[in-house]
Amino acid sequence: MRSQSAVAPAHVGAPQVEPDSEEHTSRRHVLVVDDNPDITEMLAAVLRLSGYDVSTALSAPEALKAAHERRFDVVVSDIGMPGMNGYELARALRARPDYGSARMVAVTGFAMYDDRDRALEAGFDTHLSKPVAPADLTRAVTGMVH
């Protein structure tokens, strides 16, 4: 049973910066991971409109495969996925020398304070609650790459 702690603000840890020029963001590679294809494509579309080069994965194992084939500057991931969850994905990526300094954003329906703390402990840099506003997602990712 899930704890009944208070709900964390939707954008805990998200930097409050405005998106930079497309010239700067277009060189940044972002991986979006969510088991829901509609959410994956919505998040990817928001980031593409902001000028990022975006790849998607529908599972943590698929994300690990993509991360092996290409170095991403930022990984945006759901937490509650079947099989390998987002916490496990974050830990697996952090254990790799090429991803030790990569930036990671949790975008999840797990919105309690203890969920946020658990995400940060697993290796995420920030925690955004679903539904996430496009501007909050863009600000968080842009803040990660500057």
Protein backbone atom coordinates (compact mmCIF):
# COMPACT_ATOMS: atom_id res chain seq x y z
CA MET A 1 0.00 0.00 0.00
CA ARG A 2 1.29 3.45 -0.91
CA SER A 3 2.09 5.92 1.81
CA GLN A 4 -0.38 8.74 2.38
CA SER A 5 2.26 11.46 2.62
CA ALA A 6 1.69 14.91 1.18
CA VAL A 7 1.80 15.45 -2.55
CA ALA A 8 5.04 16.98 -3.83
CA PRO A 9 4.82 20.09 -6.01
CA ALA A 10 4.61 19.20 -9.71
CA HIS A 11 8.02 20.60 -10.57
CA VAL A 12 10.28 19.84 -7.62
CA GLY A 13 13.85 20.60 -8.58
CA ALA A 14 12.97 22.00 -12.01
CA PRO A 15 15.13 25.03 -12.77
CA GLN A 16 13.25 28.21 -13.59
CA VAL A 17 14.94 29.21 -16.84
CA GLU A 18 13.60 30.08 -20.23
CA PRO A 19 14.34 27.81 -23.19
CA ASP A 20 17.44 28.78 -25.15
CA SER A 21 17.73 29.26 -28.88
CA GLU A 22 17.08 26.35 -31.22
CA GLU A 23 20.68 26.67 -32.39
CA HIS A 24 21.92 25.65 -28.94
CA THR A 25 19.32 22.95 -28.16
CA SER A 26 19.43 21.22 -31.55
CA ARG A 27 22.79 19.72 -30.67
CA ARG A 28 21.39 18.20 -27.48
CA HIS A 29 20.23 14.60 -27.55
CA VAL A 30 17.32 13.61 -25.30
CA LEU A 31 15.93 10.13 -24.67
CA VAL A 32 12.27 9.94 -23.59
CA VAL A 33 11.22 6.70 -21.86
CA ASP A 34 7.62 5.77 -20.99
CA ASP A 35 5.64 2.56 -21.40
CA ASN A 36 2.64 4.55 -22.66
CA PRO A 37 3.24 5.32 -26.37
CA ASP A 38 0.91 8.34 -26.33
CA ILE A 39 2.77 9.95 -23.42
CA THR A 40 6.12 9.10 -24.97
CA GLU A 41 5.18 10.81 -28.22
CA MET A 42 3.63 13.83 -26.48
CA LEU A 43 6.77 14.42 -24.38
CA ALA A 44 8.99 13.89 -27.44
CA ALA A 45 6.90 16.32 -29.52
CA VAL A 46 7.19 19.03 -26.86
CA LEU A 47 10.96 18.65 -26.76
CA ARG A 48 11.30 18.50 -30.55
CA LEU A 49 9.33 21.76 -30.82
CA SER A 50 11.93 23.24 -28.46
CA GLY A 51 14.70 22.19 -30.84
CA TYR A 52 16.00 19.02 -29.20
CA ASP A 53 17.06 15.88 -31.05
CA VAL A 54 14.76 13.31 -29.38
CA SER A 55 14.72 9.51 -29.39
CA THR A 56 12.11 7.40 -27.62
CA ALA A 57 11.93 4.07 -25.83
CA LEU A 58 8.84 2.23 -24.54
CA SER A 59 10.65 0.31 -21.79
CA ALA A 60 13.71 0.52 -19.58
CA PRO A 61 15.49 -2.34 -21.42
CA GLU A 62 14.82 -0.55 -24.73
CA ALA A 63 16.23 2.65 -23.19
CA LEU A 64 19.39 0.83 -22.07
CA LYS A 65 19.85 -0.49 -25.60
CA ALA A 66 19.43 3.02 -27.03
CA ALA A 67 21.89 4.40 -24.45
CA HIS A 68 24.42 1.77 -25.53
CA GLU A 69 24.09 2.87 -29.17
CA ARG A 70 24.15 6.63 -28.55
CA ARG A 71 25.14 9.06 -25.79
CA PHE A 72 22.19 11.17 -24.62
CA ASP A 73 22.63 14.48 -22.80
CA VAL A 74 19.35 14.09 -20.92
CA VAL A 75 17.15 11.08 -20.17
CA VAL A 76 13.49 11.84 -19.40
CA SER A 77 11.85 8.77 -17.88
CA ASP A 78 8.68 7.51 -16.31
CA ILE A 79 9.13 5.55 -13.09
CA GLY A 80 6.15 3.18 -13.00
CA MET A 81 6.92 0.86 -15.92
CA PRO A 82 6.39 -2.91 -16.04
CA GLY A 83 9.43 -5.13 -15.63
CA MET A 84 12.39 -2.84 -15.07
CA ASN A 85 11.11 0.42 -13.55
CA GLY A 86 12.49 3.94 -13.85
CA TYR A 87 14.39 3.72 -10.55
CA GLU A 88 16.23 0.65 -11.83
CA LEU A 89 16.88 2.37 -15.17
CA ALA A 90 18.38 5.41 -13.42
CA ARG A 91 20.64 3.21 -11.28
CA ALA A 92 21.73 1.16 -14.31
CA LEU A 93 22.59 4.29 -16.29
CA ARG A 94 24.39 5.92 -13.36
CA ALA A 95 26.55 2.79 -12.98
CA ARG A 96 27.91 3.25 -16.51
CA PRO A 97 31.01 5.45 -16.91
CA ASP A 98 29.52 7.20 -19.95
CA TYR A 99 26.30 8.08 -18.09
CA GLY A 100 27.64 8.95 -14.64
CA SER A 101 27.30 12.65 -15.42
CA ALA A 102 24.24 12.44 -17.70
CA ARG A 103 21.22 14.41 -16.56
CA MET A 104 18.00 12.60 -15.73
CA VAL A 105 14.44 13.88 -15.33
CA ALA A 106 11.68 11.75 -13.78
CA VAL A 107 8.24 12.46 -15.27
CA THR A 108 5.85 10.31 -13.29
CA GLY A 109 2.46 9.86 -11.73
CA PHE A 110 4.23 9.07 -8.45
CA ALA A 111 3.73 12.49 -6.89
CA MET A 112 4.23 12.09 -3.14
CA TYR A 113 7.22 13.60 -1.34
CA ASP A 114 8.63 10.14 -0.63
CA ASP A 115 8.33 9.35 -4.37
CA ARG A 116 10.35 12.45 -5.19
CA ASP A 117 12.97 11.52 -2.61
CA ARG A 118 13.18 7.98 -3.94
CA ALA A 119 13.65 9.30 -7.50
CA LEU A 120 16.47 11.60 -6.42
CA GLU A 121 18.12 8.76 -4.46
CA ALA A 122 17.93 6.51 -7.54
CA GLY A 123 19.87 9.06 -9.59
CA PHE A 124 17.31 11.40 -11.13
CA ASP A 125 18.29 15.07 -11.02
CA THR A 126 14.74 16.36 -10.85
CA HIS A 127 11.18 15.07 -10.48
CA LEU A 128 8.14 16.29 -12.44
CA SER A 129 4.64 15.02 -11.69
CA LYS A 130 2.21 13.94 -14.41
CA PRO A 131 0.44 15.55 -16.00
CA VAL A 132 3.42 17.77 -16.72
CA ALA A 133 2.96 21.16 -18.35
CA PRO A 134 4.96 21.47 -21.58
CA ALA A 135 6.68 24.62 -20.29
CA ASP A 136 7.77 22.81 -17.10
CA LEU A 137 9.23 19.93 -19.11
CA THR A 138 11.07 22.29 -21.46
CA ARG A 139 12.41 24.37 -18.55
CA ALA A 140 13.63 21.27 -16.72
CA VAL A 141 15.44 19.84 -19.75
CA THR A 142 16.86 23.21 -20.80
CA GLY A 143 18.13 23.77 -17.27
CA MET A 144 19.89 20.41 -17.42
CA VAL A 145 21.90 21.18 -20.55
CA HIS A 146 23.21 24.63 -19.59
